[in-house]
Amino acid sequence: MSGAQWTVGGCWLGCEREGVPVLWLGPVHTAAAIAPLYGCAECIARIEARAARYVDDRYRLDTPA
């Protein structure tokens, strides 16, 4: 996340805290609207760790013993 533009706002991820440094992650598209998705460092780290575990698990499943 180096070089990313952080701002103070609300985390749209699990913690839903307000007034914390957040990073714009991209747009959220719903049937009714498009909204900006922001996440705090802690929630982004949690999602990154989960994604890494997913990749590790997939690699183990795809690698013969």
PDB file of N, CA and C in Angstrom:
ATOM      1  N   MET A   1       0.809  -1.189   0.000  1.00  0.00           N
ATOM      2  CA  MET A   1       0.000   0.000   0.000  1.00  0.00           C
ATOM      3  C   MET A   1       0.858   1.261   0.000  1.00  0.00           C
ATOM      4  N   SER A   2       2.122   1.127  -0.290  1.00  0.00           N
ATOM      5  CA  SER A   2       2.972   2.310  -0.308  1.00  0.00           C
ATOM      6  C   SER A   2       2.547   3.219  -1.454  1.00  0.00           C
ATOM      7  N   GLY A   3       2.616   4.510  -1.214  1.00  0.00           N
ATOM      8  CA  GLY A   3       2.218   5.475  -2.216  1.00  0.00           C
ATOM      9  C   GLY A   3       0.717   5.685  -2.304  1.00  0.00           C
ATOM     10  N   ALA A   4      -0.043   4.963  -1.508  1.00  0.00           N
ATOM     11  CA  ALA A   4      -1.501   5.083  -1.530  1.00  0.00           C
ATOM     12  C   ALA A   4      -1.926   6.387  -0.864  1.00  0.00           C
ATOM     13  N   GLN A   5      -3.057   6.903  -1.280  1.00  0.00           N
ATOM     14  CA  GLN A   5      -3.589   8.137  -0.714  1.00  0.00           C
ATOM     15  C   GLN A   5      -4.580   7.831   0.404  1.00  0.00           C
ATOM     16  N   TRP A   6      -4.145   7.994   1.630  1.00  0.00           N
ATOM     17  CA  TRP A   6      -5.001   7.783   2.790  1.00  0.00           C
ATOM     18  C   TRP A   6      -5.733   9.072   3.105  1.00  0.00           C
ATOM     19  N   THR A   7      -6.925   8.933   3.640  1.00  0.00           N
ATOM     20  CA  THR A   7      -7.726  10.069   4.079  1.00  0.00           C
ATOM     21  C   THR A   7      -8.420   9.683   5.379  1.00  0.00           C
ATOM     22  N   VAL A   8      -8.963  10.640   6.067  1.00  0.00           N
ATOM     23  CA  VAL A   8      -9.707  10.338   7.292  1.00  0.00           C
ATOM     24  C   VAL A   8     -11.177  10.188   6.928  1.00  0.00           C
ATOM     25  N   GLY A   9     -11.772   9.097   7.381  1.00  0.00           N
ATOM     26  CA  GLY A   9     -13.173   8.845   7.066  1.00  0.00           C
ATOM     27  C   GLY A   9     -13.674   7.611   7.770  1.00  0.00           C
ATOM     28  N   GLY A  10     -14.636   6.951   7.154  1.00  0.00           N
ATOM     29  CA  GLY A  10     -15.245   5.762   7.736  1.00  0.00           C
ATOM     30  C   GLY A  10     -14.821   4.499   7.014  1.00  0.00           C
ATOM     31  N   CYS A  11     -14.557   3.457   7.790  1.00  0.00           N
ATOM     32  CA  CYS A  11     -14.210   2.146   7.236  1.00  0.00           C
ATOM     33  C   CYS A  11     -15.499   1.422   6.856  1.00  0.00           C
ATOM     34  N   TRP A  12     -15.579   0.976   5.621  1.00  0.00           N
ATOM     35  CA  TRP A  12     -16.761   0.260   5.131  1.00  0.00           C
ATOM     36  C   TRP A  12     -16.625  -1.242   5.350  1.00  0.00           C
ATOM     37  N   LEU A  13     -15.512  -1.661   5.874  1.00  0.00           N
ATOM     38  CA  LEU A  13     -15.289  -3.092   6.069  1.00  0.00           C
ATOM     39  C   LEU A  13     -15.779  -3.492   7.452  1.00  0.00           C
ATOM     40  N   GLY A  14     -15.268  -4.549   8.012  1.00  0.00           N
ATOM     41  CA  GLY A  14     -15.813  -5.128   9.237  1.00  0.00           C
ATOM     42  C   GLY A  14     -15.953  -4.231  10.440  1.00  0.00           C
ATOM     43  N   CYS A  15     -15.000  -3.332  10.694  1.00  0.00           N
ATOM     44  CA  CYS A  15     -15.045  -2.561  11.945  1.00  0.00           C
ATOM     45  C   CYS A  15     -16.023  -1.393  11.894  1.00  0.00           C
ATOM     46  N   GLU A  16     -16.252  -0.836  10.727  1.00  0.00           N
ATOM     47  CA  GLU A  16     -17.172   0.292  10.513  1.00  0.00           C
ATOM     48  C   GLU A  16     -16.851   1.505  11.381  1.00  0.00           C
ATOM     49  N   ARG A  17     -15.560   1.659  11.768  1.00  0.00           N
ATOM     50  CA  ARG A  17     -15.168   2.826  12.572  1.00  0.00           C
ATOM     51  C   ARG A  17     -15.229   4.092  11.718  1.00  0.00           C
ATOM     52  N   GLU A  18     -15.449   5.206  12.368  1.00  0.00           N
ATOM     53  CA  GLU A  18     -15.475   6.523  11.727  1.00  0.00           C
ATOM     54  C   GLU A  18     -14.293   7.344  12.222  1.00  0.00           C
ATOM     55  N   GLY A  19     -13.853   8.296  11.412  1.00  0.00           N
ATOM     56  CA  GLY A  19     -12.791   9.204  11.819  1.00  0.00           C
ATOM     57  C   GLY A  19     -11.429   8.559  11.923  1.00  0.00           C
ATOM     58  N   VAL A  20     -11.176   7.544  11.097  1.00  0.00           N
ATOM     59  CA  VAL A  20      -9.889   6.845  11.098  1.00  0.00           C
ATOM     60  C   VAL A  20      -9.249   6.979   9.719  1.00  0.00           C
ATOM     61  N   PRO A  21      -7.927   6.795   9.612  1.00  0.00           N
ATOM     62  CA  PRO A  21      -7.308   6.790   8.291  1.00  0.00           C
ATOM     63  C   PRO A  21      -7.854   5.618   7.469  1.00  0.00           C
ATOM     64  N   VAL A  22      -8.310   5.920   6.254  1.00  0.00           N
ATOM     65  CA  VAL A  22      -8.860   4.898   5.371  1.00  0.00           C
ATOM     66  C   VAL A  22      -8.269   5.054   3.978  1.00  0.00           C
ATOM     67  N   LEU A  23      -8.299   3.960   3.245  1.00  0.00           N
ATOM     68  CA  LEU A  23      -7.800   3.918   1.876  1.00  0.00           C
ATOM     69  C   LEU A  23      -8.953   3.569   0.954  1.00  0.00           C
ATOM     70  N   TRP A  24      -9.062   4.288  -0.165  1.00  0.00           N
ATOM     71  CA  TRP A  24     -10.081   3.970  -1.160  1.00  0.00           C
ATOM     72  C   TRP A  24      -9.676   2.669  -1.846  1.00  0.00           C
ATOM     73  N   LEU A  25     -10.582   1.689  -1.836  1.00  0.00           N
ATOM     74  CA  LEU A  25     -10.295   0.373  -2.404  1.00  0.00           C
ATOM     75  C   LEU A  25     -10.918   0.174  -3.771  1.00  0.00           C
ATOM     76  N   GLY A  26     -11.883   0.998  -4.107  1.00  0.00           N
ATOM     77  CA  GLY A  26     -12.552   0.888  -5.393  1.00  0.00           C
ATOM     78  C   GLY A  26     -14.038   1.129  -5.236  1.00  0.00           C
ATOM     79  N   PRO A  27     -14.763   1.065  -6.345  1.00  0.00           N
ATOM     80  CA  PRO A  27     -16.198   1.296  -6.270  1.00  0.00           C
ATOM     81  C   PRO A  27     -16.962   0.035  -5.878  1.00  0.00           C
ATOM     82  N   VAL A  28     -18.081   0.260  -5.205  1.00  0.00           N
ATOM     83  CA  VAL A  28     -19.029  -0.808  -4.899  1.00  0.00           C
ATOM     84  C   VAL A  28     -20.238  -0.572  -5.795  1.00  0.00           C
ATOM     85  N   HIS A  29     -20.602  -1.578  -6.569  1.00  0.00           N
ATOM     86  CA  HIS A  29     -21.750  -1.471  -7.465  1.00  0.00           C
ATOM     87  C   HIS A  29     -22.923  -2.241  -6.876  1.00  0.00           C
ATOM     88  N   THR A  30     -24.055  -1.579  -6.753  1.00  0.00           N
ATOM     89  CA  THR A  30     -25.290  -2.240  -6.340  1.00  0.00           C
ATOM     90  C   THR A  30     -26.320  -2.024  -7.445  1.00  0.00           C
ATOM     91  N   ALA A  31     -27.483  -2.606  -7.279  1.00  0.00           N
ATOM     92  CA  ALA A  31     -28.541  -2.411  -8.264  1.00  0.00           C
ATOM     93  C   ALA A  31     -28.981  -0.952  -8.321  1.00  0.00           C
ATOM     94  N   ALA A  32     -28.837  -0.222  -7.220  1.00  0.00           N
ATOM     95  CA  ALA A  32     -29.351   1.144  -7.146  1.00  0.00           C
ATOM     96  C   ALA A  32     -28.296   2.231  -7.313  1.00  0.00           C
ATOM     97  N   ALA A  33     -27.021   1.921  -7.033  1.00  0.00           N
ATOM     98  CA  ALA A  33     -26.029   2.995  -7.014  1.00  0.00           C
ATOM     99  C   ALA A  33     -24.613   2.445  -7.083  1.00  0.00           C
ATOM    100  N   ILE A  34     -23.689   3.375  -7.217  1.00  0.00           N
ATOM    101  CA  ILE A  34     -22.258   3.085  -7.118  1.00  0.00           C
ATOM    102  C   ILE A  34     -21.726   3.952  -5.982  1.00  0.00           C
ATOM    103  N   ALA A  35     -20.973   3.346  -5.064  1.00  0.00           N
ATOM    104  CA  ALA A  35     -20.453   4.076  -3.913  1.00  0.00           C
ATOM    105  C   ALA A  35     -18.977   3.750  -3.726  1.00  0.00           C
ATOM    106  N   PRO A  36     -18.220   4.654  -3.085  1.00  0.00           N
ATOM    107  CA  PRO A  36     -16.804   4.395  -2.838  1.00  0.00           C
ATOM    108  C   PRO A  36     -16.617   3.448  -1.654  1.00  0.00           C
ATOM    109  N   LEU A  37     -15.713   2.492  -1.816  1.00  0.00           N
ATOM    110  CA  LEU A  37     -15.399   1.542  -0.744  1.00  0.00           C
ATOM    111  C   LEU A  37     -14.086   1.968  -0.092  1.00  0.00           C
ATOM    112  N   TYR A  38     -14.130   2.209   1.221  1.00  0.00           N
ATOM    113  CA  TYR A  38     -12.954   2.595   1.988  1.00  0.00           C
ATOM    114  C   TYR A  38     -12.688   1.561   3.071  1.00  0.00           C
ATOM    115  N   GLY A  39     -11.406   1.343   3.381  1.00  0.00           N
ATOM    116  CA  GLY A  39     -11.043   0.423   4.447  1.00  0.00           C
ATOM    117  C   GLY A  39      -9.908   0.970   5.281  1.00  0.00           C
ATOM    118  N   CYS A  40      -9.934   0.666   6.586  1.00  0.00           N
ATOM    119  CA  CYS A  40      -8.843   1.075   7.474  1.00  0.00           C
ATOM    120  C   CYS A  40      -7.701   0.059   7.361  1.00  0.00           C
ATOM    121  N   ALA A  41      -6.544   0.420   7.888  1.00  0.00           N
ATOM    122  CA  ALA A  41      -5.357  -0.434   7.779  1.00  0.00           C
ATOM    123  C   ALA A  41      -5.580  -1.805   8.410  1.00  0.00           C
ATOM    124  N   GLU A  42      -6.243  -1.838   9.567  1.00  0.00           N
ATOM    125  CA  GLU A  42      -6.454  -3.115  10.256  1.00  0.00           C
ATOM    126  C   GLU A  42      -7.356  -4.043   9.443  1.00  0.00           C
ATOM    127  N   CYS A  43      -8.440  -3.506   8.907  1.00  0.00           N
ATOM    128  CA  CYS A  43      -9.360  -4.344   8.123  1.00  0.00           C
ATOM    129  C   CYS A  43      -8.722  -4.789   6.809  1.00  0.00           C
ATOM    130  N   ILE A  44      -7.968  -3.893   6.173  1.00  0.00           N
ATOM    131  CA  ILE A  44      -7.279  -4.265   4.939  1.00  0.00           C
ATOM    132  C   ILE A  44      -6.266  -5.366   5.220  1.00  0.00           C
ATOM    133  N   ALA A  45      -5.521  -5.259   6.321  1.00  0.00           N
ATOM    134  CA  ALA A  45      -4.545  -6.293   6.684  1.00  0.00           C
ATOM    135  C   ALA A  45      -5.236  -7.630   6.915  1.00  0.00           C
ATOM    136  N   ARG A  46      -6.404  -7.608   7.560  1.00  0.00           N
ATOM    137  CA  ARG A  46      -7.150  -8.846   7.810  1.00  0.00           C
ATOM    138  C   ARG A  46      -7.585  -9.495   6.489  1.00  0.00           C
ATOM    139  N   ILE A  47      -8.054  -8.695   5.544  1.00  0.00           N
ATOM    140  CA  ILE A  47      -8.481  -9.223   4.251  1.00  0.00           C
ATOM    141  C   ILE A  47      -7.280  -9.730   3.456  1.00  0.00           C
ATOM    142  N   GLU A  48      -6.163  -9.007   3.503  1.00  0.00           N
ATOM    143  CA  GLU A  48      -4.954  -9.466   2.815  1.00  0.00           C
ATOM    144  C   GLU A  48      -4.480 -10.800   3.379  1.00  0.00           C
ATOM    145  N   ALA A  49      -4.525 -10.963   4.701  1.00  0.00           N
ATOM    146  CA  ALA A  49      -4.116 -12.227   5.324  1.00  0.00           C
ATOM    147  C   ALA A  49      -5.045 -13.360   4.902  1.00  0.00           C
ATOM    148  N   ARG A  50      -6.327 -13.072   4.838  1.00  0.00           N
ATOM    149  CA  ARG A  50      -7.287 -14.105   4.417  1.00  0.00           C
ATOM    150  C   ARG A  50      -7.043 -14.496   2.962  1.00  0.00           C
ATOM    151  N   ALA A  51      -6.767 -13.524   2.114  1.00  0.00           N
ATOM    152  CA  ALA A  51      -6.476 -13.817   0.713  1.00  0.00           C
ATOM    153  C   ALA A  51      -5.203 -14.655   0.591  1.00  0.00           C
ATOM    154  N   ALA A  52      -4.190 -14.347   1.397  1.00  0.00           N
ATOM    155  CA  ALA A  52      -2.948 -15.124   1.369  1.00  0.00           C
ATOM    156  C   ALA A  52      -3.195 -16.567   1.804  1.00  0.00           C
ATOM    157  N   ARG A  53      -4.026 -16.757   2.839  1.00  0.00           N
ATOM    158  CA  ARG A  53      -4.363 -18.125   3.268  1.00  0.00           C
ATOM    159  C   ARG A  53      -5.098 -18.869   2.163  1.00  0.00           C
ATOM    160  N   TYR A  54      -5.994 -18.189   1.473  1.00  0.00           N
ATOM    161  CA  TYR A  54      -6.730 -18.799   0.366  1.00  0.00           C
ATOM    162  C   TYR A  54      -5.762 -19.274  -0.714  1.00  0.00           C
ATOM    163  N   VAL A  55      -4.824 -18.407  -1.087  1.00  0.00           N
ATOM    164  CA  VAL A  55      -3.843 -18.768  -2.119  1.00  0.00           C
ATOM    165  C   VAL A  55      -2.993 -19.940  -1.646  1.00  0.00           C
ATOM    166  N   ASP A  56      -2.537 -19.909  -0.386  1.00  0.00           N
ATOM    167  CA  ASP A  56      -1.744 -21.016   0.152  1.00  0.00           C
ATOM    168  C   ASP A  56      -2.528 -22.320   0.116  1.00  0.00           C
ATOM    169  N   ASP A  57      -3.788 -22.271   0.521  1.00  0.00           N
ATOM    170  CA  ASP A  57      -4.629 -23.476   0.508  1.00  0.00           C
ATOM    171  C   ASP A  57      -4.815 -23.992  -0.908  1.00  0.00           C
ATOM    172  N   ARG A  58      -5.055 -23.107  -1.856  1.00  0.00           N
ATOM    173  CA  ARG A  58      -5.235 -23.514  -3.257  1.00  0.00           C
ATOM    174  C   ARG A  58      -3.956 -24.153  -3.794  1.00  0.00           C
ATOM    175  N   TYR A  59      -2.800 -23.565  -3.447  1.00  0.00           N
ATOM    176  CA  TYR A  59      -1.528 -24.104  -3.904  1.00  0.00           C
ATOM    177  C   TYR A  59      -1.320 -25.509  -3.348  1.00  0.00           C
ATOM    178  N   ARG A  60      -1.646 -25.701  -2.066  1.00  0.00           N
ATOM    179  CA  ARG A  60      -1.496 -27.030  -1.463  1.00  0.00           C
ATOM    180  C   ARG A  60      -2.405 -28.045  -2.146  1.00  0.00           C
ATOM    181  N   LEU A  61      -3.618 -27.640  -2.483  1.00  0.00           N
ATOM    182  CA  LEU A  61      -4.558 -28.556  -3.138  1.00  0.00           C
ATOM    183  C   LEU A  61      -4.107 -28.910  -4.547  1.00  0.00           C
ATOM    184  N   ASP A  62      -3.445 -27.957  -5.216  1.00  0.00           N
ATOM    185  CA  ASP A  62      -3.017 -28.171  -6.598  1.00  0.00           C
ATOM    186  C   ASP A  62      -1.657 -28.848  -6.716  1.00  0.00           C
ATOM    187  N   THR A  63      -0.935 -28.976  -5.604  1.00  0.00           N
ATOM    188  CA  THR A  63       0.404 -29.565  -5.621  1.00  0.00           C
ATOM    189  C   THR A  63       0.330 -31.027  -5.191  1.00  0.00           C
ATOM    190  N   PRO A  64       0.788 -31.948  -6.058  1.00  0.00           N
ATOM    191  CA  PRO A  64       0.770 -33.364  -5.663  1.00  0.00           C
ATOM    192  C   PRO A  64       1.708 -33.625  -4.490  1.00  0.00           C
ATOM    193  N   ALA A  65       1.338 -34.560  -3.656  1.00  0.00           N
ATOM    194  CA  ALA A  65       2.143 -34.901  -2.475  1.00  0.00           C
ATOM    195  C   ALA A  65       3.357 -35.703  -2.847  1.00  0.00           C
TER     196      ALA A  65
END
